[in-house]
N, C-alpha and C. Protein backbone atom coordinates (compact mmCIF):
# COMPACT_ATOMS: atom_id res chain seq x y z
N MET A 1 91.51 145.46 87.19
CA MET A 1 90.30 145.70 87.14
C MET A 1 89.72 144.51 85.97
N ALA A 2 88.55 144.06 85.96
CA ALA A 2 87.99 142.83 85.28
C ALA A 2 87.92 143.48 83.52
N THR A 3 88.08 142.61 82.67
CA THR A 3 87.80 143.13 81.42
C THR A 3 86.08 142.46 81.05
N PRO A 4 85.43 143.45 80.40
CA PRO A 4 83.97 142.97 80.27
C PRO A 4 84.19 141.81 79.20
N ILE A 5 83.17 141.02 79.08
CA ILE A 5 83.13 140.10 78.58
C ILE A 5 81.64 139.99 77.62
N ASN A 6 82.02 139.87 76.57
CA ASN A 6 80.72 140.06 75.12
C ASN A 6 80.52 138.69 75.05
N ARG A 7 78.92 138.15 75.07
CA ARG A 7 78.43 136.96 74.74
C ARG A 7 77.64 136.92 73.64
N ILE A 8 77.80 136.27 72.57
CA ILE A 8 76.89 136.09 71.71
C ILE A 8 76.09 134.83 71.57
N THR A 9 74.61 134.73 71.63
CA THR A 9 73.84 133.42 71.67
C THR A 9 73.21 133.72 70.38
N LEU A 10 73.16 132.30 69.83
CA LEU A 10 72.44 132.12 68.42
C LEU A 10 71.40 131.15 68.69
N PHE A 11 70.25 131.45 68.16
CA PHE A 11 69.05 130.15 68.53
C PHE A 11 68.26 130.00 67.39
N LYS A 12 67.99 128.49 66.90
CA LYS A 12 66.98 128.40 65.94
C LYS A 12 65.52 128.15 66.44
N VAL A 13 65.05 128.89 65.75
CA VAL A 13 63.60 129.18 66.36
C VAL A 13 62.99 128.42 65.07
N PRO A 14 62.36 127.29 65.30
CA PRO A 14 61.53 126.38 64.03
C PRO A 14 60.42 127.17 63.75
N ASN A 15 59.39 127.99 64.27
CA ASN A 15 58.41 128.42 64.31
C ASN A 15 58.42 129.60 64.87
N ALA A 16 58.12 130.82 63.45
CA ALA A 16 58.26 132.33 63.44
C ALA A 16 57.45 132.68 64.80
N ASP A 17 56.20 132.07 64.55
CA ASP A 17 55.33 132.77 65.44
C ASP A 17 56.08 133.11 67.11
N ASP A 18 56.87 132.13 67.38
CA ASP A 18 57.56 132.35 68.77
C ASP A 18 58.58 133.32 68.68
N ILE A 19 59.46 133.80 67.33
CA ILE A 19 60.15 135.04 67.97
C ILE A 19 59.24 136.19 68.63
N PRO A 20 58.74 136.51 68.31
CA PRO A 20 58.15 137.65 69.39
C PRO A 20 58.37 137.89 70.70
N ALA A 21 57.86 136.49 71.06
CA ALA A 21 57.71 136.67 72.80
C ALA A 21 59.22 136.16 72.99
N ILE A 22 60.35 135.28 72.10
CA ILE A 22 61.59 135.24 72.80
C ILE A 22 62.04 136.71 72.73
N LEU A 23 62.37 137.64 71.65
CA LEU A 23 62.79 138.56 71.26
C LEU A 23 62.31 139.86 73.06
N GLU A 24 61.11 139.38 73.41
CA GLU A 24 60.43 140.38 74.48
C GLU A 24 61.10 139.99 76.14
N LYS A 25 61.50 138.59 76.11
CA LYS A 25 61.83 138.10 77.29
C LYS A 25 63.27 138.82 77.18
N TYR A 26 64.43 139.07 76.16
CA TYR A 26 65.38 139.65 76.24
C TYR A 26 65.28 141.35 76.86
N THR A 27 64.30 142.21 76.35
CA THR A 27 63.89 143.28 76.47
C THR A 27 64.18 143.97 78.07
N THR A 28 64.31 142.89 78.86
CA THR A 28 63.86 143.20 80.37
C THR A 28 64.98 142.42 81.11
N LEU A 29 65.46 141.25 80.50
CA LEU A 29 66.88 140.96 81.22
C LEU A 29 67.56 141.30 81.25
N SER A 30 68.25 142.80 81.25
CA SER A 30 69.64 143.33 81.96
C SER A 30 68.97 143.98 83.39
N ALA A 31 67.69 144.18 83.69
CA ALA A 31 66.80 144.82 84.78
C ALA A 31 66.55 143.54 85.91
N ASP A 32 66.02 142.32 85.18
CA ASP A 32 65.56 141.38 86.07
C ASP A 32 66.66 140.61 86.36
N ALA A 33 67.97 140.19 85.93
CA ALA A 33 68.77 139.54 86.13
C ALA A 33 69.61 140.50 87.46
N LYS A 34 69.45 140.08 88.70
CA LYS A 34 70.40 140.43 89.90
C LYS A 34 71.26 139.41 90.34
N LYS A 35 72.18 140.33 91.04
CA LYS A 35 73.37 139.46 91.94
C LYS A 35 73.30 140.03 93.09
N ASP A 36 73.56 139.78 93.87
CA ASP A 36 73.86 140.44 95.30
C ASP A 36 72.46 141.37 95.50
N SER A 37 71.20 141.39 95.19
CA SER A 37 70.03 142.09 94.99
C SER A 37 70.46 143.16 94.08
N LYS A 38 71.08 143.41 92.94
CA LYS A 38 71.24 144.21 91.82
C LYS A 38 71.44 143.53 90.77
N PRO A 39 70.87 144.46 89.67
CA PRO A 39 71.71 144.50 88.05
C PRO A 39 73.02 144.32 87.99
N TYR A 40 73.40 143.15 87.58
CA TYR A 40 74.69 143.38 87.04
C TYR A 40 74.71 142.95 85.08
N ILE A 41 73.62 142.96 84.72
CA ILE A 41 74.23 142.51 83.41
C ILE A 41 74.15 144.08 82.61
N ILE A 42 75.72 144.23 82.04
CA ILE A 42 75.50 145.52 81.42
C ILE A 42 74.48 145.89 80.09
N SER A 43 74.29 145.40 79.19
CA SER A 43 73.40 145.29 78.15
C SER A 43 73.26 143.66 77.62
N ALA A 44 71.79 143.57 77.23
CA ALA A 44 71.19 142.33 76.65
C ALA A 44 69.97 142.91 75.83
N LYS A 45 70.69 142.23 74.37
CA LYS A 45 69.58 142.85 73.43
C LYS A 45 69.33 141.40 72.60
N ALA A 46 68.70 141.31 71.71
CA ALA A 46 68.20 139.95 70.91
C ALA A 46 67.53 140.66 69.80
N ASN A 47 67.96 140.37 68.43
CA ASN A 47 67.40 140.53 67.28
C ASN A 47 66.55 139.12 66.42
N ALA A 48 65.98 138.96 65.59
CA ALA A 48 65.81 138.33 64.56
C ALA A 48 66.85 138.26 63.52
N VAL A 49 67.64 137.29 63.05
CA VAL A 49 68.51 137.25 61.92
C VAL A 49 67.67 137.71 60.57
N ILE A 50 68.38 138.15 59.88
CA ILE A 50 67.85 138.35 58.57
C ILE A 50 68.10 137.30 57.68
N PRO A 51 67.33 136.83 56.88
CA PRO A 51 67.45 135.42 56.44
C PRO A 51 68.62 135.84 55.35
N ASP A 52 69.15 134.74 54.84
CA ASP A 52 69.93 134.59 54.08
C ASP A 52 70.43 133.57 52.97
N PRO A 53 69.68 134.18 51.99
CA PRO A 53 69.67 133.18 50.62
C PRO A 53 70.95 132.08 50.45
N ALA A 54 72.25 132.87 50.90
CA ALA A 54 73.18 131.90 50.78
C ALA A 54 73.65 130.74 51.97
N GLY A 55 72.56 131.05 52.66
CA GLY A 55 72.54 130.28 54.27
C GLY A 55 73.93 130.37 55.03
N ARG A 56 74.25 131.32 55.25
CA ARG A 56 75.55 131.81 55.69
C ARG A 56 75.06 132.07 57.29
N ASN A 57 73.71 132.06 57.48
CA ASN A 57 73.04 131.99 59.28
C ASN A 57 72.88 130.33 59.68
N GLN A 58 72.75 129.80 59.03
CA GLN A 58 72.67 128.11 58.98
C GLN A 58 71.68 127.88 60.21
N ASP A 59 70.71 128.37 59.37
CA ASP A 59 68.83 128.24 60.03
C ASP A 59 68.87 128.59 61.58
N PHE A 60 69.96 129.64 62.05
CA PHE A 60 69.77 130.64 63.37
C PHE A 60 69.06 131.75 62.88
N THR A 61 68.29 131.75 63.90
CA THR A 61 66.95 132.71 63.87
C THR A 61 66.91 134.13 64.58
N ILE A 62 67.61 134.07 65.65
CA ILE A 62 67.95 134.87 67.03
C ILE A 62 69.12 135.21 67.30
N ALA A 63 69.91 136.30 67.17
CA ALA A 63 70.69 136.35 67.78
C ALA A 63 70.75 137.24 68.70
N ALA A 64 71.57 136.70 69.89
CA ALA A 64 71.08 137.82 71.30
C ALA A 64 72.53 138.17 71.65
N ASN A 65 72.74 139.53 72.18
CA ASN A 65 74.42 139.68 72.71
C ASN A 65 73.97 140.45 73.95
N THR A 66 74.56 139.57 75.00
CA THR A 66 74.59 139.92 76.43
C THR A 66 76.24 140.61 76.58
N VAL A 67 76.37 141.60 77.68
CA VAL A 67 77.64 142.10 77.96
C VAL A 67 77.31 142.09 79.44
N PHE A 68 78.69 141.31 79.84
CA PHE A 68 79.13 141.26 81.12
C PHE A 68 80.25 141.99 81.89
N ALA A 69 80.37 142.48 83.03
CA ALA A 69 81.31 143.14 83.37
C ALA A 69 82.62 142.26 83.41
N SER A 70 82.42 141.10 83.91
CA SER A 70 83.87 140.23 83.78
C SER A 70 83.27 138.65 83.48
N LEU A 71 84.10 137.86 83.52
CA LEU A 71 83.95 136.71 83.21
C LEU A 71 83.15 136.25 84.72
N ASP A 72 83.71 136.48 85.58
CA ASP A 72 83.20 135.90 86.85
C ASP A 72 81.16 136.49 86.85
N ASP A 73 80.84 137.52 86.55
CA ASP A 73 79.30 137.77 86.22
C ASP A 73 78.29 136.71 84.99
N MET A 74 79.05 136.52 84.42
CA MET A 74 78.62 135.54 83.16
C MET A 74 78.90 134.07 83.45
N LYS A 75 79.94 133.78 84.35
CA LYS A 75 79.57 132.38 85.12
C LYS A 75 78.37 132.64 86.04
N PHE A 76 78.27 133.32 86.67
CA PHE A 76 76.98 133.69 87.79
C PHE A 76 76.19 133.75 86.90
N TYR A 77 76.11 133.93 86.16
CA TYR A 77 74.70 134.08 84.90
C TYR A 77 74.24 132.83 84.65
N ASP A 78 75.24 132.14 84.20
CA ASP A 78 75.16 130.53 83.77
C ASP A 78 74.59 129.75 85.00
N GLU A 79 75.28 129.75 85.97
CA GLU A 79 75.08 128.70 87.08
C GLU A 79 74.21 129.39 88.07
N ASP A 80 73.92 130.37 88.30
CA ASP A 80 72.76 130.81 89.56
C ASP A 80 71.71 131.77 89.20
N CYS A 81 71.84 132.22 88.19
CA CYS A 81 71.06 133.51 87.86
C CYS A 81 69.34 133.10 87.95
N GLU A 82 68.76 133.52 88.84
CA GLU A 82 67.14 133.21 88.74
C GLU A 82 66.31 133.51 87.41
N ALA A 83 66.97 134.75 86.89
CA ALA A 83 66.43 135.28 85.55
C ALA A 83 66.71 134.52 84.21
N HIS A 84 68.61 134.04 84.36
CA HIS A 84 68.54 133.13 82.95
C HIS A 84 67.85 131.70 83.18
N LYS A 85 67.68 131.21 84.34
CA LYS A 85 67.15 130.13 84.37
C LYS A 85 65.66 130.11 83.96
N ALA A 86 64.95 131.38 84.51
CA ALA A 86 63.77 131.78 83.74
C ALA A 86 63.40 131.68 82.22
N ILE A 87 64.45 132.19 81.85
CA ILE A 87 64.82 132.50 80.16
C ILE A 87 64.91 131.36 79.77
N LYS A 88 65.98 130.17 80.16
CA LYS A 88 66.00 128.79 79.78
C LYS A 88 64.52 128.54 79.36
N ALA A 89 64.02 128.33 80.63
CA ALA A 89 63.21 127.35 80.44
C ALA A 89 61.85 127.96 79.80
N PHE A 90 61.57 129.17 79.24
CA PHE A 90 60.88 129.80 78.53
C PHE A 90 61.37 129.12 76.82
N LEU A 91 62.61 129.40 76.94
CA LEU A 91 63.04 128.93 75.61
C LEU A 91 63.31 127.39 75.31
N LYS A 92 63.19 126.96 76.16
CA LYS A 92 63.48 125.18 75.72
C LYS A 92 62.45 124.47 75.11
N PRO A 93 61.26 124.61 75.05
CA PRO A 93 60.08 123.92 73.97
C PRO A 93 60.34 124.51 73.03
N ARG A 94 61.03 126.00 72.67
CA ARG A 94 60.71 126.62 71.19
C ARG A 94 61.97 126.71 70.42
N ILE A 95 63.16 126.59 71.13
CA ILE A 95 64.56 126.11 70.25
C ILE A 95 64.70 125.19 69.79
N GLN A 96 65.20 124.58 68.76
CA GLN A 96 65.86 123.45 68.08
C GLN A 96 67.51 123.46 68.21
N GLY A 97 67.74 124.83 68.64
CA GLY A 97 69.41 124.11 68.56
C GLY A 97 70.09 126.18 69.13
N VAL A 98 71.10 125.93 69.27
CA VAL A 98 71.88 127.17 70.19
C VAL A 98 73.20 126.93 69.91
N MET A 99 73.98 128.24 69.88
CA MET A 99 75.19 128.07 70.02
C MET A 99 75.55 129.42 70.40
N THR A 100 76.24 129.40 71.84
CA THR A 100 77.12 130.37 71.95
C THR A 100 78.54 130.33 72.00
N VAL A 101 78.68 131.94 71.99
CA VAL A 101 80.25 132.09 71.94
C VAL A 101 80.66 133.24 72.86
N TYR A 102 81.76 133.56 73.40
CA TYR A 102 82.15 134.81 74.35
C TYR A 102 83.66 134.97 74.21
N HIS A 103 83.67 136.34 74.01
CA HIS A 103 85.01 136.92 74.38
C HIS A 103 85.25 138.55 74.94
N GLU A 104 86.10 138.72 75.02
CA GLU A 104 86.41 140.05 75.79
C GLU A 104 86.43 140.86 75.08
N ALA A 105 85.80 142.07 75.81
CA ALA A 105 85.22 143.23 75.01
C ALA A 105 86.11 144.30 74.83
N ASN A 106 87.53 144.15 74.72
CA ASN A 106 88.23 145.23 74.69
C ASN A 106 88.48 145.97 73.33
């Protein structure tokens, strides 16, 4: 059986007015993303980062957490998922930095 994958993506959004619309996009991602005509993302959530006076957030303003059933599902998301392509197109003019890490969710 495949091991679930937890993916964390951090975004730098310079205009705070853009944050609510970006968070809204993540509310339907699990339902919108389809593989073989079926939803395949276990969970997708995004939240605004709490400002940190110590600077530990390195100016990242949104943290997104996406859980996939397998590494293959995450690769599909990166390469072929129409919902992911749409969210990336929406985000591109609104972000000035992104960092993604992923790990086995065991």
